[in-house]
C-alpha atoms as a PDB file:
ATOM      1  CA  LEU A   1     173.553 118.597 108.920  1.00  0.00           C
ATOM      2  CA  GLN A   2     176.195 118.944 106.225  1.00  0.00           C
ATOM      3  CA  LYS A   3     177.714 115.536 106.971  1.00  0.00           C
ATOM      4  CA  TRP A   4     174.403 113.785 107.670  1.00  0.00           C
ATOM      5  CA  LEU A   5     172.578 114.864 104.486  1.00  0.00           C
ATOM      6  CA  LYS A   6     175.773 115.219 102.416  1.00  0.00           C
ATOM      7  CA  ILE A   7     174.852 118.660 101.147  1.00  0.00           C
ATOM      8  CA  PRO A   8     177.105 121.696 100.632  1.00  0.00           C
ATOM      9  CA  ARG A   9     177.920 123.858 103.617  1.00  0.00           C
ATOM     10  CA  GLY A  10     176.152 126.925 102.208  1.00  0.00           C
ATOM     11  CA  ILE A  11     172.875 125.066 101.727  1.00  0.00           C
ATOM     12  CA  SER A  12     173.057 123.484 105.177  1.00  0.00           C
ATOM     13  CA  ALA A  13     173.741 126.927 106.672  1.00  0.00           C
ATOM     14  CA  VAL A  14     170.664 128.330 104.936  1.00  0.00           C
ATOM     15  CA  VAL A  15     168.527 125.394 106.125  1.00  0.00           C
ATOM     16  CA  VAL A  16     169.696 125.802 109.727  1.00  0.00           C
ATOM     17  CA  MET A  17     169.116 129.565 109.625  1.00  0.00           C
ATOM     18  CA  ILE A  18     165.623 129.114 108.163  1.00  0.00           C
ATOM     19  CA  LEU A  19     164.765 126.516 110.805  1.00  0.00           C
ATOM     20  CA  THR A  20     166.087 128.760 113.585  1.00  0.00           C
ATOM     21  CA  ILE A  21     164.153 131.773 112.319  1.00  0.00           C
ATOM     22  CA  ALA A  22     161.037 129.601 111.895  1.00  0.00           C
ATOM     23  CA  VAL A  23     161.324 128.404 115.501  1.00  0.00           C
ATOM     24  CA  ILE A  24     161.754 131.975 116.754  1.00  0.00           C
ATOM     25  CA  PHE A  25     158.774 133.213 114.732  1.00  0.00           C
ATOM     26  CA  GLY A  26     156.794 130.163 115.865  1.00  0.00           C
ATOM     27  CA  LEU A  27     157.463 130.995 119.500  1.00  0.00           C
ATOM     28  CA  VAL A  28     156.573 134.650 118.941  1.00  0.00           C
ATOM     29  CA  GLY A  29     153.393 133.601 117.111  1.00  0.00           C
ATOM     30  CA  TRP A  30     152.459 131.173 119.870  1.00  0.00           C
ATOM     31  CA  LEU A  31     153.014 133.852 122.525  1.00  0.00           C
ATOM     32  CA  GLY A  32     150.952 136.285 120.448  1.00  0.00           C
ATOM     33  CA  TYR A  33     148.152 133.726 120.166  1.00  0.00           C
ATOM     34  CA  LYS A  34     148.208 133.097 123.925  1.00  0.00           C
ATOM     35  CA  LEU A  35     148.149 136.842 124.584  1.00  0.00           C
ATOM     36  CA  PHE A  36     145.220 137.267 122.172  1.00  0.00           C
ATOM     37  CA  ASP A  37     143.400 134.358 123.849  1.00  0.00           C
ATOM     38  CA  GLU A  38     143.905 135.875 127.302  1.00  0.00           C
ATOM     39  CA  ILE A  39     142.667 139.266 126.075  1.00  0.00           C
ATOM     40  CA  LYS A  40     139.616 137.559 124.529  1.00  0.00           C
ATOM     41  CA  ASN A  41     138.890 135.796 127.833  1.00  0.00           C
ATOM     42  CA  LEU A  42     139.326 139.076 129.693  1.00  0.00           C
ATOM     43  CA  ILE A  43     136.865 140.800 127.354  1.00  0.00           C
ATOM     44  CA  SER A  44     134.318 137.986 127.691  1.00  0.00           C
ATOM     45  CA  ASN A  45     134.601 138.015 131.508  1.00  0.00           C
ATOM     46  CA  TRP A  46     134.744 141.803 131.742  1.00  0.00           C
ATOM     47  CA  PRO A  47     131.065 142.371 132.659  1.00  0.00           C
ATOM     48  CA  GLU A  48     131.245 140.019 135.673  1.00  0.00           C
ATOM     49  CA  MET A  49     134.595 141.465 136.741  1.00  0.00           C
ATOM     50  CA  LEU A  50     133.303 145.019 136.409  1.00  0.00           C
ATOM     51  CA  SER A  51     130.173 144.169 138.401  1.00  0.00           C
ATOM     52  CA  SER A  52     132.265 142.587 141.153  1.00  0.00           C
ATOM     53  CA  LEU A  53     134.615 145.565 141.118  1.00  0.00           C
ATOM     54  CA  ARG A  54     131.687 147.989 141.405  1.00  0.00           C
ATOM     55  CA  ASP A  55     130.228 146.059 144.334  1.00  0.00           C
ATOM     56  CA  ASN A  56     133.583 145.947 146.132  1.00  0.00           C
ATOM     57  CA  TRP A  57     134.199 149.639 145.411  1.00  0.00           C
ATOM     58  CA  THR A  58     130.765 150.544 146.771  1.00  0.00           C
ATOM     59  CA  ASN A  59     131.500 148.610 149.971  1.00  0.00           C
ATOM     60  CA  ILE A  60     134.863 150.332 150.362  1.00  0.00           C
ATOM     61  CA  VAL A  61     133.368 153.792 149.742  1.00  0.00           C
ATOM     62  CA  ASP A  62     130.574 153.122 152.253  1.00  0.00           C
ATOM     63  CA  ASN A  63     133.084 152.007 154.888  1.00  0.00           C
ATOM     64  CA  PHE A  64     135.359 154.999 154.348  1.00  0.00           C
ATOM     65  CA  SER A  65     132.421 157.427 154.194  1.00  0.00           C
ATOM     66  CA  GLY A  66     131.329 156.297 157.648  1.00  0.00           C
ATOM     67  CA  MET A  67     134.868 156.693 158.968  1.00  0.00           C
ATOM     68  CA  TYR A  68     135.239 160.100 157.246  1.00  0.00           C
ATOM     69  CA  ILE A  69     132.029 161.460 158.764  1.00  0.00           C
ATOM     70  CA  ALA A  70     133.137 160.332 162.232  1.00  0.00           C
ATOM     71  CA  MET A  71     136.511 162.204 161.938  1.00  0.00           C
ATOM     72  CA  PRO A  72     137.095 165.686 163.380  1.00  0.00           C
ATOM     73  CA  ASP A  73     136.789 168.666 161.006  1.00  0.00           C
ATOM     74  CA  ALA A  74     140.556 169.365 160.996  1.00  0.00           C
ATOM     75  CA  VAL A  75     141.333 165.814 159.841  1.00  0.00           C
ATOM     76  CA  GLN A  76     138.626 166.055 157.172  1.00  0.00           C
ATOM     77  CA  THR A  77     140.229 169.269 155.865  1.00  0.00           C
ATOM     78  CA  VAL A  78     143.684 167.619 155.643  1.00  0.00           C
ATOM     79  CA  ILE A  79     142.216 164.621 153.798  1.00  0.00           C
ATOM     80  CA  ASP A  80     140.316 166.909 151.387  1.00  0.00           C
ATOM     81  CA  ASN A  81     143.481 168.904 150.598  1.00  0.00           C
ATOM     82  CA  ALA A  82     145.501 165.731 150.052  1.00  0.00           C
ATOM     83  CA  TRP A  83     142.813 164.347 147.730  1.00  0.00           C
ATOM     84  CA  VAL A  84     142.753 167.581 145.671  1.00  0.00           C
ATOM     85  CA  ASN A  85     146.567 167.501 145.336  1.00  0.00           C
ATOM     86  CA  ILE A  86     146.554 163.846 144.263  1.00  0.00           C
ATOM     87  CA  TYR A  87     143.826 164.567 141.707  1.00  0.00           C
ATOM     88  CA  LYS A  88     145.685 167.563 140.232  1.00  0.00           C
ATOM     89  CA  THR A  89     148.963 165.639 140.043  1.00  0.00           C
ATOM     90  CA  SER A  90     147.354 162.664 138.299  1.00  0.00           C
ATOM     91  CA  VAL A  91     145.532 164.917 135.796  1.00  0.00           C
ATOM     92  CA  ASP A  92     148.785 166.745 134.999  1.00  0.00           C
ATOM     93  CA  PHE A  93     150.573 163.413 134.566  1.00  0.00           C
ATOM     94  CA  VAL A  94     147.935 162.062 132.171  1.00  0.00           C
ATOM     95  CA  HIS A  95     148.020 165.243 130.068  1.00  0.00           C
ATOM     96  CA  ASN A  96     151.817 165.172 129.826  1.00  0.00           C
ATOM     97  CA  ILE A  97     152.246 161.570 128.619  1.00  0.00           C
ATOM     98  CA  PRO A  98     154.429 161.775 125.497  1.00  0.00           C
ATOM     99  CA  VAL A  99     152.396 159.392 123.308  1.00  0.00           C
ATOM    100  CA  VAL A 100     153.089 161.264 120.080  1.00  0.00           C
ATOM    101  CA  ASP A 101     156.817 161.491 120.782  1.00  0.00           C
ATOM    102  CA  THR A 102     156.969 157.785 121.607  1.00  0.00           C
ATOM    103  CA  ALA A 103     155.098 156.867 118.417  1.00  0.00           C
ATOM    104  CA  GLN A 104     157.492 158.981 116.360  1.00  0.00           C
ATOM    105  CA  ALA A 105     160.513 157.362 118.015  1.00  0.00           C
ATOM    106  CA  VAL A 106     159.141 153.889 117.253  1.00  0.00           C
ATOM    107  CA  ALA A 107     158.457 154.858 113.634  1.00  0.00           C
ATOM    108  CA  LYS A 108     161.990 156.233 113.267  1.00  0.00           C
ATOM    109  CA  ALA A 109     163.481 153.102 114.843  1.00  0.00           C
ATOM    110  CA  LEU A 110     161.829 150.640 112.450  1.00  0.00           C
ATOM    111  CA  PRO A 111     164.092 151.102 109.401  1.00  0.00           C
ATOM    112  CA  PRO A 112     167.351 150.723 111.392  1.00  0.00           C
ATOM    113  CA  GLY A 113     165.851 147.661 113.070  1.00  0.00           C
ATOM    114  CA  LEU A 114     165.052 146.184 109.685  1.00  0.00           C
ATOM    115  CA  ILE A 115     168.563 146.962 108.461  1.00  0.00           C
ATOM    116  CA  TRP A 116     169.972 145.387 111.631  1.00  0.00           C
ATOM    117  CA  ALA A 117     167.939 142.216 111.081  1.00  0.00           C
ATOM    118  CA  VAL A 118     169.112 141.885 107.458  1.00  0.00           C
ATOM    119  CA  MET A 119     172.744 142.482 108.457  1.00  0.00           C
ATOM    120  CA  PHE A 120     172.410 139.949 111.272  1.00  0.00           C
ATOM    121  CA  VAL A 121     171.096 137.248 108.951  1.00  0.00           C
ATOM    122  CA  LEU A 122     173.758 137.944 106.323  1.00  0.00           C
ATOM    123  CA  SER A 123     176.620 137.967 108.834  1.00  0.00           C
ATOM    124  CA  LEU A 124     175.298 134.794 110.443  1.00  0.00           C
ATOM    125  CA  TYR A 125     175.204 133.108 107.038  1.00  0.00           C
ATOM    126  CA  PHE A 126     178.759 134.138 106.170  1.00  0.00           C
ATOM    127  CA  MET A 127     180.081 133.155 109.604  1.00  0.00           C
ATOM    128  CA  VAL A 128     178.564 129.689 109.273  1.00  0.00           C
ATOM    129  CA  THR A 129     179.669 129.108 105.695  1.00  0.00           C
ATOM    130  CA  GLN A 130     183.198 130.487 106.117  1.00  0.00           C
ATOM    131  CA  LYS A 131     184.037 128.820 109.453  1.00  0.00           C
ATOM    132  CA  GLN A 132     186.575 126.437 107.935  1.00  0.00           C
ATOM    133  CA  THR A 133     188.338 129.229 106.041  1.00  0.00           C
ATOM    134  CA  VAL A 134     188.593 131.396 109.175  1.00  0.00           C
ATOM    135  CA  THR A 135     189.756 128.428 111.254  1.00  0.00           C
ATOM    136  CA  GLY A 136     192.459 127.618 108.686  1.00  0.00           C
ATOM    137  CA  PHE A 137     193.638 131.241 108.663  1.00  0.00           C
ATOM    138  CA  VAL A 138     193.834 131.296 112.472  1.00  0.00           C
ATOM    139  CA  HIS A 139     195.803 128.020 112.487  1.00  0.00           C
ATOM    140  CA  LYS A 140     198.300 129.401 109.936  1.00  0.00           C
ATOM    141  CA  SER A 141     198.628 132.752 111.711  1.00  0.00           C
ATOM    142  CA  LEU A 142     199.067 131.511 115.281  1.00  0.00           C
ATOM    143  CA  GLY A 143     200.840 128.214 114.801  1.00  0.00           C
ATOM    144  CA  GLU A 144     199.921 124.782 116.100  1.00  0.00           C
ATOM    145  CA  LYS A 145     201.327 125.319 119.601  1.00  0.00           C
ATOM    146  CA  SER A 146     199.205 128.424 120.201  1.00  0.00           C
ATOM    147  CA  VAL A 147     196.131 126.752 118.700  1.00  0.00           C
ATOM    148  CA  ARG A 148     196.522 123.779 121.059  1.00  0.00           C
ATOM    149  CA  LYS A 149     196.757 126.145 124.042  1.00  0.00           C
ATOM    150  CA  LEU A 150     193.692 128.048 122.860  1.00  0.00           C
ATOM    151  CA  ASN A 151     191.784 124.779 122.398  1.00  0.00           C
ATOM    152  CA  GLU A 152     192.785 123.713 125.906  1.00  0.00           C
ATOM    153  CA  ILE A 153     191.616 127.051 127.319  1.00  0.00           C
ATOM    154  CA  LYS A 154     188.373 126.731 125.351  1.00  0.00           C
ATOM    155  CA  SER A 155     187.722 123.206 126.648  1.00  0.00           C
ATOM    156  CA  GLN A 156     188.418 124.324 130.236  1.00  0.00           C
ATOM    157  CA  CYS A 157     186.074 127.300 129.862  1.00  0.00           C
ATOM    158  CA  VAL A 158     183.343 125.090 128.412  1.00  0.00           C
ATOM    159  CA  SER A 159     183.871 122.589 131.246  1.00  0.00           C
ATOM    160  CA  TYR A 160     183.674 125.289 133.933  1.00  0.00           C
ATOM    161  CA  LEU A 161     180.716 126.995 132.309  1.00  0.00           C
ATOM    162  CA  GLY A 162     178.926 123.637 131.984  1.00  0.00           C
ATOM    163  CA  GLY A 163     179.568 122.926 135.670  1.00  0.00           C
ATOM    164  CA  TYR A 164     178.265 126.364 136.615  1.00  0.00           C
ATOM    165  CA  VAL A 165     175.089 125.938 134.553  1.00  0.00           C
ATOM    166  CA  LYS A 166     174.561 122.453 136.002  1.00  0.00           C
ATOM    167  CA  ALA A 167     174.963 123.780 139.563  1.00  0.00           C
ATOM    168  CA  GLN A 168     172.536 126.627 138.879  1.00  0.00           C
ATOM    169  CA  LEU A 169     169.954 124.217 137.434  1.00  0.00           C
ATOM    170  CA  ILE A 170     170.266 121.946 140.463  1.00  0.00           C
ATOM    171  CA  LEU A 171     169.807 124.919 142.814  1.00  0.00           C
ATOM    172  CA  MET A 172     166.799 126.139 140.815  1.00  0.00           C
ATOM    173  CA  ILE A 173     165.174 122.700 140.947  1.00  0.00           C
ATOM    174  CA  ILE A 174     165.755 122.409 144.696  1.00  0.00           C
ATOM    175  CA  VAL A 175     164.329 125.888 145.352  1.00  0.00           C
ATOM    176  CA  PHE A 176     161.367 125.132 143.083  1.00  0.00           C
ATOM    177  CA  MET A 177     160.610 121.908 144.943  1.00  0.00           C
ATOM    178  CA  VAL A 178     160.868 123.590 148.368  1.00  0.00           C
ATOM    179  CA  ILE A 179     158.577 126.441 147.294  1.00  0.00           C
ATOM    180  CA  LEU A 180     156.160 123.992 145.663  1.00  0.00           C
ATOM    181  CA  VAL A 181     155.913 121.930 148.857  1.00  0.00           C
ATOM    182  CA  ILE A 182     155.466 124.988 151.086  1.00  0.00           C
ATOM    183  CA  LEU A 183     152.836 126.569 148.838  1.00  0.00           C
ATOM    184  CA  SER A 184     151.035 123.231 148.535  1.00  0.00           C
ATOM    185  CA  LEU A 185     150.879 122.974 152.316  1.00  0.00           C
ATOM    186  CA  PHE A 186     149.172 126.385 152.435  1.00  0.00           C
ATOM    187  CA  ASN A 187     146.851 125.503 149.496  1.00  0.00           C
ATOM    188  CA  VAL A 188     148.228 128.342 147.382  1.00  0.00           C
END
């Protein structure tokens, strides 16, 4: 961006950082919108879903009631005791959920998170703008021979990492296609 628009490095760093942050916030906003849309659809379809759930639950209860009545008294007693234990355990669990403690922890974590975000943006800016200075210092400190070896190691690592990522993408595509074909055959 600096060479293409012929602007100073600091300004190009700010532009790139703003664009990156805008893209991140855009993605978060888009995901938030999709989540809101899905919740809105869930709320609008809730009466039909609840009615269907009630009907299905009634059918299940009727089926199990018939089976329960047909069981011997000893089995009915065991089932009743198990049901009472499950009910007590679930009530105790609901009463012991630490909602207040969690809310306090989130409230306490916000200021450090804000400080972290500001420090991240500032350090990112200084790393981008001072890259040439740091590179020059490293070249002077290590010497040209060491820098060439480090560059060779870096290029090999990038080459190997690129090959690994390429292989993983190929495997993912193959697995996706196989699963897609199999699920399509079963109309799923």
